[in-house]
């Protein structure tokens, strides 16, 4: 849809605000999201993986200590792209990845619905060109809900979830716009690799835009990597770089990362490192062969993140080439916490298991390495505890964010990204779009944080996924596993933490503060019924097996 026509369909809410004085160029917006990366994996958050470009963005931007995702791939993408809670837009659990899921409540339909607009549709109303590359994962076969039909001018990537990094096949092939690209060509001197292709197509979109008739207009780019989600596929060059790097094991790695987090001021000195996950064996208890195989899997995982950083460097160089770097708002995050799926200590061989049509769940690094990736937190992807829902989050914008800023410690959430885009682009958020009523936003702009000010949030933060949930209100966090079931809310499963004093969630205060539990539980249930958590389909809201994340 052309911008002029789009404007005629919008009934603008009063949320919009100009980003700066009249005549100041509008900023470009670049949202970069990685897949299944743990909180401590990159160097600014305690890691040892070589990430110089992310290091620079963090050092010269703003680092958030508490930024909440939706604990899983599809719900996070739904919330990021729309600014609404995933249940509100039909992705309360997962997408169907084929036909729409039958006999489901609207919140669990498995396909992005018409109660929302996307970042692209909102940005277009303010004169932006809009591009996306990477993992969509918000629809099935209905082309009406693919990226081009949801406001993006150009798209290249995978519509489904996980895919083979070197040889995408079957339903997990690449798409160029609406067209299938079953035999994608390499964009580098190496073999085809999704991380490279997603970045290089994003660069091509920017280059074409800057050489076209609308070169002076700003752009919004959403780059959604599949790395480092399994299968752990990496180029040989990066694999060699990390060979033997992780022979120290997950126990020492956790302790090293924790100490770096303390030293950097990321976490307070009084936060304790949780004990190793009780299901995870001590590294020294493994035999030599098992340690070597497991270390290789972690090396492949690190190699994937290293390559992401290299390609981000290429993208940043493109911005600088066009003198667009200083006035581009860059947001970087992960879609959920570390992935403990598939096995305990990992499965597969990072070299042998790169053949075409290899099972996508191998190689994977297992719960043991995920426990290290989640440092200093416990739990993982799927769960609402900090290890599953708190992501590293970096905001970089030289025109508005001064370098050398301290950590920003106020909690924020995915729902704030749409509000931020509305704010910085001068766009309007619609009450109606193409004949459909659009749900209002709960998020707040992040822009006050850019100036070192409070976000001014007046309501708690909430999430729910697969029965796991939390409410975060100031210093308190009420969280639980399997608290929301098909039968309703099970209040006995709530845990209560004074999160500012006990950020690693070790001292459950539910038994000594029943009044606070009741207060926060009531707030969560009111929110849950408003956004559509209830009624839940099936047993405790679980989706059928075909619908599980691959």
Protein backbone atom coordinates (compact mmCIF):
# COMPACT_ATOMS: atom_id res chain seq x y z
CA UNK A 1 0.00 0.00 0.00
CA UNK A 2 1.33 3.46 -0.88
CA UNK A 3 2.08 5.80 2.04
CA UNK A 4 -0.49 8.36 0.91
CA UNK A 5 -3.22 5.74 0.80
CA UNK A 6 -2.09 4.31 4.10
CA UNK A 7 -2.46 7.66 5.80
CA UNK A 8 -6.08 7.85 4.79
CA UNK A 9 -6.79 4.61 6.65
CA UNK A 10 -5.28 5.66 9.96
CA UNK A 11 -7.22 7.23 12.79
CA UNK A 12 -4.34 8.50 14.84
CA UNK A 13 -4.13 8.16 18.60
CA UNK A 14 -2.44 10.97 20.55
CA UNK A 15 0.67 8.88 21.30
CA UNK A 16 2.79 10.27 18.46
CA UNK A 17 5.49 12.83 19.20
CA UNK A 18 8.11 14.43 17.04
CA UNK A 19 11.60 13.11 17.86
CA UNK A 20 13.29 16.49 17.72
CA UNK A 21 12.86 20.05 16.60
CA UNK A 22 11.17 20.72 13.27
CA UNK A 23 13.58 20.28 10.39
CA UNK A 24 15.73 17.66 12.12
CA UNK A 25 16.02 14.56 9.94
CA UNK A 26 14.08 11.60 11.18
CA UNK A 27 16.26 8.73 12.37
CA UNK A 28 16.55 5.39 10.66
CA UNK A 29 15.50 2.49 12.88
CA UNK A 30 17.38 -0.82 12.92
CA UNK A 31 16.08 -3.68 15.09
CA UNK A 32 18.43 -6.69 15.33
CA UNK A 33 17.28 -9.86 17.06
CA UNK A 34 19.16 -13.11 17.58
CA UNK A 35 17.54 -16.46 18.29
CA UNK A 36 17.96 -18.48 21.53
CA UNK A 37 21.01 -16.59 22.79
CA UNK A 38 21.59 -16.55 26.54
CA UNK A 39 21.95 -13.49 28.73
CA UNK A 40 25.72 -13.79 29.29
CA UNK A 41 26.89 -14.93 25.85
CA UNK A 42 28.17 -11.61 24.50
CA UNK A 43 31.06 -9.73 26.08
CA UNK A 44 29.12 -6.67 27.32
CA UNK A 45 27.06 -9.06 29.47
CA UNK A 46 29.91 -11.18 30.80
CA UNK A 47 30.76 -13.47 27.90
CA UNK A 48 34.07 -14.37 26.28
CA UNK A 49 32.87 -14.75 22.67
CA UNK A 50 34.58 -12.31 20.30
CA UNK A 51 31.94 -9.65 19.58
CA UNK A 52 33.79 -6.37 18.89
CA UNK A 53 30.93 -4.69 17.05
CA UNK A 54 28.37 -5.44 19.76
CA UNK A 55 30.99 -4.36 22.30
CA UNK A 56 31.23 -1.00 20.54
CA UNK A 57 27.47 -0.55 20.33
CA UNK A 58 27.21 -1.29 24.06
CA UNK A 59 30.10 0.95 25.07
CA UNK A 60 28.83 3.86 23.03
CA UNK A 61 25.14 3.26 23.62
CA UNK A 62 22.83 2.29 26.44
CA UNK A 63 22.86 -1.15 28.08
CA UNK A 64 19.69 -2.31 29.82
CA UNK A 65 20.06 -4.77 32.70
CA UNK A 66 16.42 -5.88 32.66
CA UNK A 67 14.61 -6.12 29.36
CA UNK A 68 11.89 -8.72 29.14
CA UNK A 69 10.98 -10.79 26.10
CA UNK A 70 8.12 -13.30 25.90
CA UNK A 71 10.23 -16.39 26.69
CA UNK A 72 9.85 -18.08 23.29
CA UNK A 73 10.40 -17.32 19.60
CA UNK A 74 6.89 -16.78 18.17
CA UNK A 75 5.37 -14.87 21.11
CA UNK A 76 8.42 -12.60 21.24
CA UNK A 77 8.24 -11.87 17.52
CA UNK A 78 4.52 -11.17 17.77
CA UNK A 79 5.03 -8.70 20.60
CA UNK A 80 8.09 -7.01 19.07
CA UNK A 81 6.49 -6.49 15.66
CA UNK A 82 3.09 -5.31 16.95
CA UNK A 83 3.73 -3.73 20.35
CA UNK A 84 0.92 -5.87 21.78
CA UNK A 85 0.93 -8.91 24.00
CA UNK A 86 1.20 -12.12 21.95
CA UNK A 87 -2.20 -13.44 23.01
CA UNK A 88 -3.83 -10.26 21.72
CA UNK A 89 -2.55 -10.94 18.20
CA UNK A 90 -3.23 -14.69 18.04
CA UNK A 91 0.22 -16.04 19.00
CA UNK A 92 -0.45 -17.00 22.61
CA UNK A 93 1.52 -20.17 22.05
CA UNK A 94 3.11 -20.83 18.65
CA UNK A 95 2.36 -20.50 14.96
CA UNK A 96 0.92 -23.43 13.07
CA UNK A 97 3.47 -23.04 10.25
CA UNK A 98 0.89 -24.48 7.84
CA UNK A 99 -2.85 -24.11 7.77
CA UNK A 100 -4.42 -22.15 10.62
CA UNK A 101 -4.81 -24.26 13.73
CA UNK A 102 -8.39 -25.55 14.14
CA UNK A 103 -10.70 -25.26 17.14
CA UNK A 104 -8.58 -22.77 19.04
CA UNK A 105 -9.55 -19.73 21.10
CA UNK A 106 -8.58 -16.57 19.17
CA UNK A 107 -5.53 -15.95 21.36
CA UNK A 108 -4.06 -19.31 20.28
CA UNK A 109 -5.00 -19.30 16.60
CA UNK A 110 -1.33 -19.54 15.60
CA UNK A 111 -1.50 -16.75 13.02
CA UNK A 112 -1.04 -13.01 13.43
CA UNK A 113 -4.51 -11.44 13.39
CA UNK A 114 -6.09 -8.14 12.32
CA UNK A 115 -6.19 -6.55 15.78
CA UNK A 116 -2.72 -5.12 15.25
CA UNK A 117 -0.44 -3.16 12.96
CA UNK A 118 3.26 -3.86 12.52
CA UNK A 119 6.28 -1.63 13.05
CA UNK A 120 6.50 -1.43 9.26
CA UNK A 121 2.92 -0.29 8.79
CA UNK A 122 3.31 2.40 11.43
CA UNK A 123 6.67 3.60 10.10
CA UNK A 124 5.31 3.78 6.54
CA UNK A 125 2.69 6.24 7.73
CA UNK A 126 5.59 8.57 8.63
CA UNK A 127 7.25 8.26 5.22
CA UNK A 128 9.68 5.43 6.01
CA UNK A 129 10.92 2.76 3.65
CA UNK A 130 10.56 -0.60 5.40
CA UNK A 131 12.71 -3.72 5.06
CA UNK A 132 13.00 -7.07 6.78
CA UNK A 133 15.37 -10.01 6.53
CA UNK A 134 15.43 -13.25 8.50
CA UNK A 135 12.96 -15.28 10.51
CA UNK A 136 9.28 -14.23 10.34
CA UNK A 137 7.51 -17.10 12.16
CA UNK A 138 4.20 -15.28 12.60
CA UNK A 139 1.98 -17.00 10.06
CA UNK A 140 1.25 -20.17 8.21
CA UNK A 141 0.47 -20.58 4.53
CA UNK A 142 -1.82 -17.56 4.32
CA UNK A 143 0.15 -15.06 2.24
CA UNK A 144 -1.98 -12.22 3.57
CA UNK A 145 0.06 -12.38 6.76
CA UNK A 146 3.53 -12.58 5.25
CA UNK A 147 5.95 -9.64 5.63
CA UNK A 148 5.16 -7.85 2.35
CA UNK A 149 1.46 -7.95 3.15
CA UNK A 150 2.18 -6.65 6.64
CA UNK A 151 3.88 -3.44 5.62
CA UNK A 152 7.45 -4.33 4.61
CA UNK A 153 8.55 -3.04 1.21
CA UNK A 154 11.15 -5.80 0.78
CA UNK A 155 11.78 -9.11 2.52
CA UNK A 156 14.29 -11.95 2.36
CA UNK A 157 14.37 -14.83 4.82
CA UNK A 158 12.60 -17.87 6.20
CA UNK A 159 8.90 -17.67 6.96
CA UNK A 160 9.09 -20.70 9.26
CA UNK A 161 11.19 -21.24 12.37
CA UNK A 162 14.47 -23.10 12.57
CA UNK A 163 16.15 -24.05 9.32
CA UNK A 164 19.32 -25.71 8.06
CA UNK A 165 21.92 -22.93 7.92
CA UNK A 166 23.73 -24.21 4.81
CA UNK A 167 21.04 -26.17 2.95
CA UNK A 168 17.53 -24.86 3.73
CA UNK A 169 14.92 -27.29 2.40
CA UNK A 170 11.28 -28.39 2.37
CA UNK A 171 8.98 -25.89 4.10
CA UNK A 172 11.98 -24.13 5.63
CA UNK A 173 13.44 -22.72 2.46
CA UNK A 174 14.25 -19.07 1.87
CA UNK A 175 11.76 -16.58 0.44
CA UNK A 176 12.59 -13.51 -1.63
CA UNK A 177 9.52 -11.40 -1.03
CA UNK A 178 6.60 -13.74 -1.70
CA UNK A 179 8.66 -15.91 -4.03
CA UNK A 180 10.25 -19.16 -2.96
CA UNK A 181 14.04 -19.31 -3.24
CA UNK A 182 14.69 -23.08 -2.96
CA UNK A 183 18.29 -22.92 -4.23
CA UNK A 184 19.71 -19.75 -2.63
CA UNK A 185 23.06 -18.45 -3.82
CA UNK A 186 25.87 -17.52 -1.49
CA UNK A 187 26.34 -13.81 -0.82
CA UNK A 188 29.99 -14.29 0.20
CA UNK A 189 33.10 -16.16 -0.90
CA UNK A 190 31.99 -19.01 1.36
CA UNK A 191 29.09 -21.44 0.90
CA UNK A 192 25.52 -20.22 1.45
CA UNK A 193 24.84 -19.50 5.11
CA UNK A 194 21.69 -17.92 6.50
CA UNK A 195 23.45 -15.44 8.81
CA UNK A 196 25.43 -14.11 5.85
CA UNK A 197 22.43 -14.06 3.52
CA UNK A 198 20.15 -12.24 5.94
CA UNK A 199 22.73 -9.52 6.55
CA UNK A 200 23.84 -9.15 2.95
CA UNK A 201 20.26 -8.85 1.68
CA UNK A 202 19.65 -6.20 4.34
CA UNK A 203 22.72 -4.35 3.08
CA UNK A 204 21.45 -4.67 -0.49
CA UNK A 205 18.08 -3.21 0.51
CA UNK A 206 19.82 -0.21 2.08
CA UNK A 207 22.13 0.24 -0.91
CA UNK A 208 19.21 0.13 -3.34
CA UNK A 209 17.27 2.56 -1.20
CA UNK A 210 20.18 5.00 -1.04
CA UNK A 211 20.59 4.91 -4.83
CA UNK A 212 16.88 5.31 -5.57
CA UNK A 213 14.49 8.20 -5.93
CA UNK A 214 13.56 8.10 -2.22
CA UNK A 215 17.16 8.04 -1.00
CA UNK A 216 16.61 10.94 1.40
CA UNK A 217 13.73 9.26 3.21
CA UNK A 218 14.47 7.31 6.39
CA UNK A 219 14.15 3.54 6.64
CA UNK A 220 13.17 0.94 9.20
CA UNK A 221 14.98 -2.41 9.00
CA UNK A 222 14.13 -5.49 11.05
CA UNK A 223 16.91 -8.10 10.93
CA UNK A 224 15.94 -11.37 12.63
CA UNK A 225 18.76 -13.91 12.73
CA UNK A 226 18.18 -17.63 13.27
CA UNK A 227 21.58 -17.96 14.97
CA UNK A 228 22.49 -19.35 17.44
CA UNK A 229 19.34 -21.52 17.46
CA UNK A 230 20.01 -25.19 16.73
CA UNK A 231 21.17 -26.81 14.52
CA UNK A 232 24.59 -25.50 15.60
CA UNK A 233 25.98 -24.90 12.12
CA UNK A 234 29.05 -22.72 11.74
CA UNK A 235 31.61 -21.99 9.04
CA UNK A 236 34.92 -23.84 9.35
CA UNK A 237 36.77 -20.56 9.83
CA UNK A 238 34.88 -19.73 13.03
CA UNK A 239 34.87 -23.34 14.24
CA UNK A 240 38.66 -23.38 14.15
CA UNK A 241 38.78 -20.12 16.07
CA UNK A 242 36.94 -21.66 19.04
CA UNK A 243 38.51 -25.11 18.94
CA UNK A 244 39.47 -26.12 22.51
CA UNK A 245 38.06 -22.84 23.86
CA UNK A 246 35.50 -24.62 26.03
CA UNK A 247 37.60 -27.50 27.35
CA UNK A 248 37.38 -25.73 30.73
CA UNK A 249 33.74 -26.88 31.00
CA UNK A 250 30.47 -25.28 32.00
CA UNK A 251 31.20 -25.01 35.73
CA UNK A 252 34.27 -22.82 35.31
CA UNK A 253 32.62 -20.90 32.47
CA UNK A 254 29.67 -19.96 34.69
CA UNK A 255 31.98 -18.74 37.44
CA UNK A 256 34.12 -16.70 35.02
CA UNK A 257 31.11 -15.03 33.47
CA UNK A 258 29.61 -14.29 36.88
CA UNK A 259 32.82 -12.63 38.04
CA UNK A 260 32.94 -10.45 34.90
CA UNK A 261 29.32 -9.43 35.47
CA UNK A 262 30.15 -8.37 39.01
CA UNK A 263 33.23 -6.48 37.86
CA UNK A 264 31.36 -4.59 35.14
CA UNK A 265 28.58 -3.51 37.50
CA UNK A 266 25.97 -5.41 35.52
CA UNK A 267 24.79 -7.14 38.68
CA UNK A 268 25.13 -6.05 42.33
CA UNK A 269 27.75 -7.62 44.57
CA UNK A 270 25.07 -9.17 46.79
CA UNK A 271 23.46 -11.22 44.00
CA UNK A 272 24.46 -14.84 44.41
CA UNK A 273 25.22 -17.21 41.55
CA UNK A 274 22.66 -20.04 41.73
CA UNK A 275 24.00 -23.56 42.14
CA UNK A 276 24.45 -25.57 38.98
CA UNK A 277 21.11 -26.85 37.65
CA UNK A 278 20.46 -30.03 39.68
CA UNK A 279 19.95 -32.06 36.50
CA UNK A 280 23.31 -31.02 35.06
CA UNK A 281 26.32 -33.18 35.93
CA UNK A 282 29.58 -31.69 37.14
CA UNK A 283 31.93 -31.18 34.21
CA UNK A 284 34.66 -33.18 35.91
CA UNK A 285 32.33 -36.16 36.27
CA UNK A 286 32.26 -36.70 32.49
CA UNK A 287 34.72 -38.97 30.75
CA UNK A 288 37.31 -37.44 28.43
CA UNK A 289 35.43 -38.33 25.23
CA UNK A 290 32.17 -36.81 26.48
CA UNK A 291 33.93 -33.61 27.57
CA UNK A 292 35.60 -33.23 24.16
CA UNK A 293 32.35 -33.78 22.24
CA UNK A 294 30.40 -31.41 24.44
CA UNK A 295 33.08 -28.72 24.25
CA UNK A 296 32.93 -28.90 20.45
CA UNK A 297 29.20 -28.16 20.54
CA UNK A 298 29.71 -25.07 22.67
CA UNK A 299 32.49 -24.01 20.30
CA UNK A 300 30.05 -24.21 17.38
CA UNK A 301 27.51 -22.15 19.33
CA UNK A 302 30.14 -19.49 20.03
CA UNK A 303 31.25 -19.56 16.39
CA UNK A 304 27.70 -18.76 15.28
CA UNK A 305 27.53 -15.71 17.55
CA UNK A 306 30.96 -14.60 16.36
CA UNK A 307 29.73 -14.70 12.74
CA UNK A 308 26.62 -12.71 13.66
CA UNK A 309 28.87 -10.02 15.11
CA UNK A 310 31.06 -9.98 12.00
CA UNK A 311 28.04 -9.48 9.77
CA UNK A 312 26.63 -6.79 12.04
CA UNK A 313 29.97 -5.08 11.47
CA UNK A 314 29.34 -5.21 7.71
CA UNK A 315 25.93 -3.66 8.22
CA UNK A 316 27.30 -0.88 10.41
CA UNK A 317 29.95 -0.16 7.77
CA UNK A 318 27.16 0.30 5.23
CA UNK A 319 25.45 2.83 7.48
CA UNK A 320 28.71 4.72 7.89
CA UNK A 321 29.34 4.64 4.15
CA UNK A 322 26.07 6.50 3.62
CA UNK A 323 26.60 8.87 6.58
CA UNK A 324 23.58 7.27 8.26
CA UNK A 325 25.24 5.75 11.31
CA UNK A 326 24.91 8.69 13.70
CA UNK A 327 21.20 9.13 13.08
CA UNK A 328 20.19 5.47 13.19
CA UNK A 329 18.54 4.07 16.30
CA UNK A 330 19.88 0.52 16.68
CA UNK A 331 18.19 -1.90 19.07
CA UNK A 332 19.75 -5.31 19.75
CA UNK A 333 18.21 -8.20 21.73
CA UNK A 334 17.54 -11.95 21.90
CA UNK A 335 14.11 -13.48 21.45
CA UNK A 336 14.31 -15.58 24.63
CA UNK A 337 16.77 -17.08 27.06
CA UNK A 338 19.21 -19.90 26.46
CA UNK A 339 17.80 -23.09 24.96
CA UNK A 340 17.88 -26.18 27.20
CA UNK A 341 15.92 -28.32 24.73
CA UNK A 342 16.79 -31.71 23.20
CA UNK A 343 19.32 -33.15 25.69
CA UNK A 344 21.28 -32.67 28.87
CA UNK A 345 24.87 -32.35 27.64
CA UNK A 346 24.24 -31.84 23.94
CA UNK A 347 23.85 -34.00 20.85
CA UNK A 348 25.48 -34.26 17.45
CA UNK A 349 28.77 -33.35 15.80
CA UNK A 350 29.26 -29.74 14.59
CA UNK A 351 31.15 -30.91 11.49
CA UNK A 352 29.52 -34.21 10.54
CA UNK A 353 25.98 -33.01 11.13
CA UNK A 354 26.02 -30.24 8.54
CA UNK A 355 24.96 -32.50 5.66
CA UNK A 356 21.75 -31.65 3.74
CA UNK A 357 18.52 -32.77 5.43
CA UNK A 358 20.24 -33.35 8.76
CA UNK A 359 17.78 -33.46 11.65
CA UNK A 360 17.42 -29.86 12.78
CA UNK A 361 17.74 -30.60 16.50
CA UNK A 362 21.39 -31.65 16.08
CA UNK A 363 23.91 -30.42 16.80
CA UNK A 364 22.54 -28.80 19.95
CA UNK A 365 24.39 -27.92 23.14
CA UNK A 366 21.92 -29.08 25.79
CA UNK A 367 20.82 -27.90 29.20
CA UNK A 368 24.35 -27.98 30.66
CA UNK A 369 25.74 -25.25 28.40
CA UNK A 370 22.41 -23.38 28.48
CA UNK A 371 22.87 -23.17 32.25
CA UNK A 372 26.16 -21.35 31.57
CA UNK A 373 24.63 -19.14 28.86
CA UNK A 374 21.96 -18.02 31.35
CA UNK A 375 24.52 -16.79 33.91
CA UNK A 376 23.76 -15.38 36.49
CA UNK A 377 20.18 -16.58 36.24
CA UNK A 378 18.37 -19.89 36.46
CA UNK A 379 15.88 -21.48 34.08
CA UNK A 380 15.74 -21.17 30.32
CA UNK A 381 13.70 -20.44 27.23
CA UNK A 382 9.99 -21.31 27.76
CA UNK A 383 10.07 -20.09 31.37
CA UNK A 384 9.20 -16.74 32.94
CA UNK A 385 12.08 -16.79 35.42
CA UNK A 386 14.93 -14.41 34.59
CA UNK A 387 16.94 -17.01 32.69
CA UNK A 388 14.10 -17.46 30.23
CA UNK A 389 12.67 -13.98 29.87
CA UNK A 390 15.40 -11.40 30.58
CA UNK A 391 17.45 -10.55 27.49
CA UNK A 392 20.55 -8.48 26.95
CA UNK A 393 19.33 -5.28 25.30
CA UNK A 394 21.43 -2.53 23.71
CA UNK A 395 20.20 0.81 22.34
CA UNK A 396 22.63 2.84 20.23
CA UNK A 397 21.96 6.22 18.63
CA UNK A 398 24.83 8.74 18.58
CA UNK A 399 22.48 11.62 17.80
CA UNK A 400 20.53 11.03 21.03
CA UNK A 401 22.46 8.67 23.31
CA UNK A 402 25.74 9.83 24.82
CA UNK A 403 28.57 7.29 24.89
CA UNK A 404 29.90 5.89 28.13
CA UNK A 405 26.55 5.66 29.87
CA UNK A 406 26.11 3.50 32.95
CA UNK A 407 23.75 0.53 32.98
CA UNK A 408 20.05 1.39 32.75
CA UNK A 409 18.45 -0.58 35.57
CA UNK A 410 14.76 0.16 35.17
CA UNK A 411 12.83 -2.80 33.72
CA UNK A 412 11.51 -2.56 30.17
CA UNK A 413 9.74 -4.94 27.80
CA UNK A 414 9.10 -5.78 24.16
CA UNK A 415 5.84 -3.83 24.18
CA UNK A 416 7.95 -0.68 24.56
CA UNK A 417 9.58 -1.03 21.14
CA UNK A 418 6.47 -0.06 19.15
CA UNK A 419 5.89 2.91 21.46
CA UNK A 420 9.52 3.94 20.89
CA UNK A 421 9.20 3.69 17.10
CA UNK A 422 6.07 5.79 17.22
CA UNK A 423 7.92 8.37 19.30
CA UNK A 424 11.13 8.67 17.28
CA UNK A 425 9.52 8.52 13.82
CA UNK A 426 6.77 11.01 14.51
CA UNK A 427 4.26 8.43 13.30
CA UNK A 428 0.77 7.91 14.58
CA UNK A 429 -0.49 4.73 16.17
CA UNK A 430 -3.91 3.86 14.69
CA UNK A 431 -7.19 3.11 16.36
CA UNK A 432 -8.37 1.52 13.11
CA UNK A 433 -6.55 0.09 10.11
CA UNK A 434 -8.05 -1.20 6.87
CA UNK A 435 -11.46 -1.51 8.50
CA UNK A 436 -10.25 -3.33 11.62
CA UNK A 437 -10.17 -2.00 15.17
CA UNK A 438 -6.59 -1.87 16.46
CA UNK A 439 -5.93 -2.65 20.12
CA UNK A 440 -4.26 0.09 22.19
CA UNK A 441 -0.65 -0.15 23.36
CA UNK A 442 0.44 -0.92 26.92
CA UNK A 443 4.10 -0.04 26.29
CA UNK A 444 5.93 3.21 26.96
CA UNK A 445 8.64 4.87 24.83
CA UNK A 446 12.21 4.08 25.79
CA UNK A 447 13.35 7.55 24.74
CA UNK A 448 13.45 8.99 28.30
CA UNK A 449 16.10 6.37 29.08
CA UNK A 450 18.21 7.77 26.24
CA UNK A 451 18.42 10.98 28.27
CA UNK A 452 19.06 9.19 31.56
CA UNK A 453 15.50 9.69 32.80
CA UNK A 454 12.89 7.32 34.19
CA UNK A 455 10.50 5.66 31.75
CA UNK A 456 7.58 6.81 33.87
CA UNK A 457 5.79 3.47 33.63
CA UNK A 458 2.57 3.39 35.64
CA UNK A 459 1.60 -0.28 35.31
CA UNK A 460 3.29 -3.61 36.07
CA UNK A 461 4.84 -5.83 33.40
CA UNK A 462 3.30 -9.21 32.59
CA UNK A 463 4.00 -12.29 30.48
CA UNK A 464 2.54 -15.78 30.01
CA UNK A 465 3.74 -18.69 27.90
CA UNK A 466 2.94 -22.40 28.12
CA UNK A 467 1.50 -21.93 31.59
CA UNK A 468 4.60 -20.06 32.81
CA UNK A 469 4.02 -16.48 33.89
CA UNK A 470 5.20 -13.45 35.81
CA UNK A 471 4.10 -10.04 37.00
CA UNK A 472 6.85 -7.52 37.68
CA UNK A 473 5.87 -4.51 39.79
CA UNK A 474 8.69 -2.33 41.05
CA UNK A 475 10.97 -4.31 43.34
CA UNK A 476 8.71 -7.35 43.33
CA UNK A 477 8.36 -10.23 40.90
CA UNK A 478 5.70 -12.94 41.13
CA UNK A 479 6.65 -15.83 38.87
CA UNK A 480 5.76 -19.47 38.41
CA UNK A 481 5.80 -22.59 36.30
CA UNK A 482 2.49 -24.09 35.16
CA UNK A 483 0.51 -21.46 37.02
CA UNK A 484 -1.97 -20.85 34.20
CA UNK A 485 -3.71 -24.02 33.12
CA UNK A 486 -6.72 -24.95 31.03
CA UNK A 487 -8.58 -25.23 34.34
CA UNK A 488 -7.56 -21.72 35.39
CA UNK A 489 -4.97 -20.07 37.62
CA UNK A 490 -3.16 -22.26 40.15
CA UNK A 491 -2.08 -19.75 42.78
CA UNK A 492 -0.18 -22.39 44.77
CA UNK A 493 2.53 -22.45 42.10
CA UNK A 494 3.46 -18.79 42.42
CA UNK A 495 6.91 -17.83 43.71
CA UNK A 496 7.67 -14.34 45.04
CA UNK A 497 11.03 -12.57 44.84
CA UNK A 498 12.29 -9.17 45.92
CA UNK A 499 13.97 -8.86 42.57
CA UNK A 500 16.21 -5.86 43.23
CA UNK A 501 17.77 -7.56 46.26
CA UNK A 502 17.57 -11.12 44.93
CA UNK A 503 17.81 -10.82 41.16
CA UNK A 504 18.83 -14.45 40.67
CA UNK A 505 15.58 -15.64 42.28
CA UNK A 506 16.93 -17.82 45.07
CA UNK A 507 14.88 -16.70 48.11
CA UNK A 508 11.19 -17.44 47.54
CA UNK A 509 9.20 -15.13 49.84
CA UNK A 510 5.74 -16.39 48.91
CA UNK A 511 5.30 -18.10 52.28
CA UNK A 512 6.17 -14.99 54.31
CA UNK A 513 4.38 -12.39 52.16
CA UNK A 514 0.98 -13.90 51.32
CA UNK A 515 -0.60 -10.48 50.98
CA UNK A 516 1.87 -9.44 48.28
CA UNK A 517 1.29 -12.73 46.47
CA UNK A 518 -2.46 -12.18 46.51
CA UNK A 519 -2.11 -8.58 45.34
CA UNK A 520 0.18 -9.37 42.41
CA UNK A 521 -1.71 -12.54 41.50
CA UNK A 522 -4.93 -10.57 41.21
CA UNK A 523 -3.19 -8.04 38.97
CA UNK A 524 -1.83 -10.80 36.75
CA UNK A 525 -5.21 -12.52 36.45
CA UNK A 526 -6.93 -9.26 35.49
CA UNK A 527 -4.32 -8.73 32.78
CA UNK A 528 -4.51 -12.36 31.63
CA UNK A 529 -8.26 -12.24 31.12
CA UNK A 530 -8.01 -8.91 29.30
CA UNK A 531 -5.40 -10.09 26.77
CA UNK A 532 -6.90 -13.55 26.21
CA UNK A 533 -4.70 -15.95 28.18
CA UNK A 534 -7.96 -17.60 29.21
CA UNK A 535 -9.66 -19.69 27.94
CA UNK A 536 -6.70 -21.94 27.11
CA UNK A 537 -6.89 -24.76 24.58
CA UNK A 538 -6.14 -28.37 25.40
CA UNK A 539 -4.23 -29.57 28.41
CA UNK A 540 -2.69 -26.58 30.19
CA UNK A 541 -2.62 -24.71 26.89
CA UNK A 542 -0.04 -26.96 25.25
CA UNK A 543 -0.08 -27.05 21.45
CA UNK A 544 -0.12 -30.29 19.47
CA UNK A 545 3.26 -31.85 18.65
CA UNK A 546 3.31 -30.62 15.06
CA UNK A 547 3.13 -27.14 16.46
CA UNK A 548 6.21 -27.34 18.70
CA UNK A 549 9.21 -25.20 17.82
CA UNK A 550 11.62 -26.96 15.51
